[in-house]
Amino acid sequence: MSPHLPLPKYHQIYLVLREQLEEGRYADGVPGEHRLTKQFGVARVTVRKALERLQAEGMIERSPGRGTVALRPTADRCDPPRASARLTGLLENIVSMGLATSVRVIDCEELAAPEPVARELRIAPGAPVQKAVRVRSTREGPLSHITTYVPAVLARGFGRRELAKKPILILLEESGVRIGRATQSISARLADSVVAARLGVEVGSPLLAVSRLIFDEQERPVQWLQGLYRPDRYHYEMELSRVGGIDAKVWVSRELTAQFH
């Protein structure tokens, strides 16, 4: 666990697990105390305290013999509405970043779409999608950990080899997809043990989290991306302009760029 965060270890574990539960990562069951103890390198009592908090919030259920299971979100515990920003002109910037960095493909497989993925891509749960996991790097080292989901019918023309050579937006366009626009949200996440090892940071380190949904010109979702970026190597820059008179309180973005080093 990161010694630089002003948070107890159990709270760091709680935050990491909560994020993973909200992403639907433990649909088949939450790891047991022994496994989590090894994963986070802490005492069992620390893990137990984190799990007890998750149980108190109604995110998991623990029972003897059955283990720990994730509970489906309810009306009393739903995510707050999130604003999304239209990325006019940013798609070219995304492709440019892909061309200026190196990539290592960790995994590329076709699987049945979990419910959160199906909801974002507007397809039936269980429909085939291509899941790809990649790590992008600059000369200074790892920059980002990217997980993408694409409807399988659109990903027939590319796989692990092609993903290692070209940005996925270019591959989609080469497959006949006409990219239209994207919506994006930016938040923060804590690095779990897997992502921490791949990005060269400590478990529990803060990361910039980017969720991006790409649409084609017919407004059909064609790619859902979940990106985790090292904040010491990546940042966004936005230029805002005021709309209206001197008393106007509305601002619009005129330019949005992503910079890395």
Protein backbone atom coordinates (compact mmCIF):
# COMPACT_ATOMS: atom_id res chain seq x y z
CA MET A 1 0.00 0.00 0.00
CA SER A 2 1.10 3.55 -0.68
CA PRO A 3 2.78 5.07 2.41
CA HIS A 4 2.35 8.56 0.96
CA LEU A 5 -1.44 8.69 1.23
CA PRO A 6 -2.84 10.17 4.48
CA LEU A 7 -5.30 7.27 4.76
CA PRO A 8 -5.33 4.12 6.92
CA LYS A 9 -4.43 0.97 5.00
CA TYR A 10 -7.87 -0.55 5.44
CA HIS A 11 -9.42 2.58 3.91
CA GLN A 12 -7.11 2.42 0.90
CA ILE A 13 -8.14 -1.23 0.35
CA TYR A 14 -11.79 -0.28 0.79
CA LEU A 15 -11.51 2.44 -1.88
CA VAL A 16 -9.79 0.13 -4.38
CA LEU A 17 -12.32 -2.67 -3.87
CA ARG A 18 -15.27 -0.27 -4.03
CA GLU A 19 -14.12 1.04 -7.39
CA GLN A 20 -13.69 -2.49 -8.71
CA LEU A 21 -17.14 -3.50 -7.47
CA GLU A 22 -18.72 -0.46 -9.14
CA GLU A 23 -17.03 -1.52 -12.40
CA GLY A 24 -18.65 -4.95 -12.11
CA ARG A 25 -15.31 -6.75 -11.85
CA TYR A 26 -16.40 -9.31 -9.24
CA ALA A 27 -19.56 -10.71 -10.81
CA ASP A 28 -18.26 -14.25 -10.16
CA GLY A 29 -17.36 -13.61 -6.53
CA VAL A 30 -15.10 -11.39 -4.46
CA PRO A 31 -11.67 -12.82 -3.53
CA GLY A 32 -11.44 -14.21 0.00
CA GLU A 33 -9.61 -12.64 2.91
CA HIS A 34 -6.52 -14.83 2.45
CA ARG A 35 -6.13 -13.88 -1.21
CA LEU A 36 -6.70 -10.18 -0.54
CA THR A 37 -4.18 -10.30 2.29
CA LYS A 38 -1.53 -11.55 -0.13
CA GLN A 39 -2.58 -9.14 -2.86
CA PHE A 40 -2.30 -6.02 -0.70
CA GLY A 41 0.50 -7.22 1.57
CA VAL A 42 -1.32 -6.42 4.80
CA ALA A 43 -2.61 -8.23 7.88
CA ARG A 44 -5.86 -10.16 7.66
CA VAL A 45 -7.53 -7.90 10.20
CA THR A 46 -6.90 -4.94 7.85
CA VAL A 47 -8.61 -6.68 4.95
CA ARG A 48 -11.49 -7.76 7.19
CA LYS A 49 -12.08 -4.15 8.27
CA ALA A 50 -12.29 -3.02 4.63
CA LEU A 51 -14.74 -5.81 3.78
CA GLU A 52 -16.87 -4.99 6.79
CA ARG A 53 -17.25 -1.43 5.57
CA LEU A 54 -18.24 -2.61 2.09
CA GLN A 55 -20.80 -4.94 3.64
CA ALA A 56 -22.21 -2.14 5.79
CA GLU A 57 -22.70 -0.07 2.62
CA GLY A 58 -24.59 -2.92 0.95
CA MET A 59 -22.00 -3.52 -1.76
CA ILE A 60 -21.12 -7.10 -0.76
CA GLU A 61 -22.68 -9.96 1.19
CA ARG A 62 -20.60 -12.33 3.31
CA SER A 63 -21.85 -15.69 4.51
CA PRO A 64 -20.15 -18.89 5.78
CA GLY A 65 -19.65 -21.49 3.08
CA ARG A 66 -20.76 -19.14 0.32
CA GLY A 67 -17.94 -16.65 0.58
CA THR A 68 -18.22 -13.02 -0.41
CA VAL A 69 -20.46 -11.96 -3.30
CA ALA A 70 -21.05 -8.61 -4.94
CA LEU A 71 -24.55 -7.17 -4.69
CA ARG A 72 -26.29 -5.53 -7.61
CA PRO A 73 -26.81 -1.75 -7.35
CA THR A 74 -30.18 -0.70 -5.96
CA ALA A 75 -32.26 2.43 -6.24
CA ASP A 76 -30.94 3.47 -2.81
CA ARG A 77 -27.33 3.13 -3.92
CA CYS A 78 -26.98 4.36 -7.45
CA ASP A 79 -24.26 6.44 -8.99
CA PRO A 80 -24.93 10.19 -9.12
CA PRO A 81 -25.56 11.62 -12.56
CA ARG A 82 -22.34 12.47 -14.36
CA ALA A 83 -21.91 15.27 -16.82
CA SER A 84 -20.35 14.34 -20.13
CA ALA A 85 -18.35 16.56 -22.40
CA ARG A 86 -18.53 16.51 -26.18
CA LEU A 87 -15.02 16.16 -27.55
CA THR A 88 -15.08 18.32 -30.65
CA GLY A 89 -11.67 18.09 -32.29
CA LEU A 90 -10.11 15.83 -29.65
CA LEU A 91 -10.27 12.58 -31.62
CA GLU A 92 -7.36 13.71 -33.78
CA ASN A 93 -5.41 14.45 -30.62
CA ILE A 94 -6.14 10.96 -29.28
CA VAL A 95 -4.85 9.36 -32.47
CA SER A 96 -1.75 11.56 -32.42
CA MET A 97 -0.97 10.44 -28.88
CA GLY A 98 -1.34 6.82 -29.96
CA LEU A 99 1.13 7.33 -32.79
CA ALA A 100 3.65 9.07 -30.51
CA THR A 101 3.77 6.34 -27.85
CA SER A 102 4.70 2.67 -27.79
CA VAL A 103 2.17 0.04 -26.77
CA ARG A 104 2.30 -3.40 -25.17
CA VAL A 105 -0.77 -5.57 -25.66
CA ILE A 106 -1.47 -7.41 -22.42
CA ASP A 107 -4.58 -9.24 -23.56
CA CYS A 108 -6.96 -9.42 -26.50
CA GLU A 109 -9.95 -11.74 -26.44
CA GLU A 110 -13.55 -12.10 -27.52
CA LEU A 111 -16.01 -12.58 -24.67
CA ALA A 112 -19.64 -12.17 -23.69
CA ALA A 113 -20.37 -8.56 -22.79
CA PRO A 114 -20.87 -8.03 -19.03
CA GLU A 115 -23.89 -5.91 -18.14
CA PRO A 116 -21.98 -2.60 -17.64
CA VAL A 117 -20.25 -3.02 -21.03
CA ALA A 118 -23.48 -3.97 -22.79
CA ARG A 119 -25.23 -0.95 -21.29
CA GLU A 120 -22.57 1.47 -22.55
CA LEU A 121 -22.37 -0.07 -26.05
CA ARG A 122 -26.18 -0.43 -26.25
CA ILE A 123 -26.03 -4.13 -27.05
CA ALA A 124 -27.64 -7.14 -25.41
CA PRO A 125 -25.90 -8.50 -22.29
CA GLY A 126 -23.83 -11.48 -23.35
CA ALA A 127 -23.38 -10.26 -26.93
CA PRO A 128 -19.82 -10.87 -28.20
CA VAL A 129 -17.30 -8.04 -27.73
CA GLN A 130 -13.57 -7.73 -28.18
CA LYS A 131 -11.79 -6.81 -24.94
CA ALA A 132 -8.26 -5.49 -25.26
CA VAL A 133 -5.90 -4.47 -22.48
CA ARG A 134 -2.86 -2.38 -23.38
CA VAL A 135 -0.15 -0.38 -21.63
CA ARG A 136 1.12 2.73 -23.42
CA SER A 137 4.57 4.10 -22.67
CA THR A 138 6.80 7.05 -23.47
CA ARG A 139 10.58 7.14 -23.24
CA GLU A 140 10.23 7.84 -19.52
CA GLY A 141 8.24 4.65 -18.93
CA PRO A 142 4.61 3.48 -18.62
CA LEU A 143 2.02 6.18 -19.18
CA SER A 144 -1.41 4.54 -19.24
CA HIS A 145 -3.32 1.30 -18.70
CA ILE A 146 -6.10 1.08 -21.29
CA THR A 147 -9.01 -1.37 -21.45
CA THR A 148 -11.25 -1.17 -24.52
CA TYR A 149 -14.45 -2.94 -25.52
CA VAL A 150 -15.60 -3.08 -29.15
CA PRO A 151 -18.60 -4.99 -30.56
CA ALA A 152 -17.12 -8.16 -32.04
CA VAL A 153 -18.71 -7.56 -35.42
CA LEU A 154 -16.65 -4.36 -35.76
CA ALA A 155 -13.39 -5.93 -34.54
CA ARG A 156 -13.20 -8.86 -36.97
CA GLY A 157 -10.43 -7.21 -38.96
CA PHE A 158 -7.93 -6.68 -36.14
CA GLY A 159 -6.48 -8.46 -33.14
CA ARG A 160 -3.43 -8.52 -30.89
CA ARG A 161 -0.90 -8.00 -33.70
CA GLU A 162 -2.71 -5.03 -35.25
CA LEU A 163 -3.39 -3.41 -31.85
CA ALA A 164 0.34 -3.44 -31.16
CA LYS A 165 0.99 -1.39 -34.30
CA LYS A 166 -1.84 1.11 -34.72
CA PRO A 167 -4.27 3.17 -32.57
CA ILE A 168 -7.64 1.47 -32.31
CA LEU A 169 -9.48 4.42 -33.89
CA ILE A 170 -7.43 3.98 -37.05
CA LEU A 171 -8.12 0.24 -37.03
CA LEU A 172 -11.85 0.89 -36.68
CA GLU A 173 -11.83 3.29 -39.61
CA GLU A 174 -9.87 0.81 -41.70
CA SER A 175 -12.63 -1.69 -40.89
CA GLY A 176 -15.22 0.66 -42.38
CA VAL A 177 -16.36 2.52 -39.26
CA ARG A 178 -16.82 6.26 -39.74
CA ILE A 179 -15.94 7.83 -36.39
CA GLY A 180 -18.27 10.65 -35.40
CA ARG A 181 -17.86 11.93 -31.85
CA ALA A 182 -17.04 10.91 -28.30
CA THR A 183 -18.21 11.60 -24.77
CA GLN A 184 -15.75 11.48 -21.93
CA SER A 185 -15.67 11.68 -18.16
CA ILE A 186 -12.57 12.23 -16.03
CA SER A 187 -12.24 11.19 -12.41
CA ALA A 188 -9.69 9.53 -10.13
CA ARG A 189 -8.93 5.94 -9.13
CA LEU A 190 -6.50 4.16 -6.86
CA ALA A 191 -4.12 1.64 -8.42
CA ASP A 192 -4.78 -2.00 -7.56
CA SER A 193 -1.96 -4.53 -7.48
CA VAL A 194 -2.25 -5.49 -11.17
CA VAL A 195 -2.36 -1.94 -12.56
CA ALA A 196 0.29 -0.74 -10.10
CA ALA A 197 2.76 -3.37 -11.34
CA ARG A 198 2.11 -2.51 -14.99
CA LEU A 199 2.43 1.26 -14.51
CA GLY A 200 5.36 1.11 -12.11
CA VAL A 201 3.59 2.73 -9.15
CA GLU A 202 2.67 1.60 -5.65
CA VAL A 203 -0.63 -0.07 -4.83
CA GLY A 204 -3.09 2.61 -3.75
CA SER A 205 -1.40 5.36 -5.76
CA PRO A 206 -3.83 7.91 -7.25
CA LEU A 207 -4.38 7.69 -11.01
CA LEU A 208 -6.27 9.82 -13.49
CA ALA A 209 -9.26 7.78 -14.70
CA VAL A 210 -10.74 8.45 -18.14
CA SER A 211 -13.94 6.83 -19.41
CA ARG A 212 -14.54 7.45 -23.11
CA LEU A 213 -17.39 6.32 -25.36
CA ILE A 214 -16.84 6.60 -29.13
CA PHE A 215 -19.78 6.92 -31.55
CA ASP A 216 -19.91 6.54 -35.31
CA GLU A 217 -21.60 9.03 -37.62
CA GLN A 218 -24.93 7.24 -37.10
CA GLU A 219 -24.66 7.81 -33.32
CA ARG A 220 -24.00 4.13 -32.59
CA PRO A 221 -21.47 3.34 -29.83
CA VAL A 222 -18.47 1.58 -31.37
CA GLN A 223 -15.93 1.58 -28.54
CA TRP A 224 -15.93 1.97 -24.76
CA LEU A 225 -12.58 2.80 -23.19
CA GLN A 226 -11.50 2.75 -19.56
CA GLY A 227 -8.10 4.39 -19.14
CA LEU A 228 -5.90 4.81 -16.07
CA TYR A 229 -3.11 7.38 -16.43
CA ARG A 230 -0.12 8.28 -14.29
CA PRO A 231 -0.79 11.90 -13.26
CA ASP A 232 2.93 12.66 -13.18
CA ARG A 233 3.16 11.91 -16.92
CA TYR A 234 -0.21 12.98 -18.29
CA HIS A 235 -2.55 15.96 -18.01
CA TYR A 236 -5.43 17.66 -19.80
CA GLU A 237 -5.51 21.25 -20.90
CA MET A 238 -8.79 23.03 -21.62
CA GLU A 239 -9.41 26.55 -22.91
CA LEU A 240 -12.73 28.10 -21.86
CA SER A 241 -14.63 31.05 -23.30
CA ARG A 242 -17.50 32.91 -21.67
CA VAL A 243 -20.81 32.98 -23.53
CA GLY A 244 -23.02 36.04 -23.31
CA GLY A 245 -22.53 39.43 -21.66
CA ILE A 246 -20.45 40.51 -18.72
CA ASP A 247 -22.82 38.84 -16.25
CA ALA A 248 -22.80 35.51 -18.10
CA LYS A 249 -22.01 32.48 -15.99
CA VAL A 250 -21.84 29.94 -18.83
CA TRP A 251 -18.48 28.78 -20.13
CA VAL A 252 -17.82 26.57 -23.15
CA SER A 253 -14.65 24.75 -24.14
CA ARG A 254 -12.95 25.87 -27.31
CA GLU A 255 -10.01 23.50 -27.22
CA LEU A 256 -9.13 20.38 -25.28
CA THR A 257 -5.71 18.79 -25.56
CA ALA A 258 -4.00 15.88 -23.91
CA GLN A 259 -0.33 16.23 -23.08
CA PHE A 260 2.11 13.61 -21.84
CA HIS A 261 5.79 13.19 -21.16
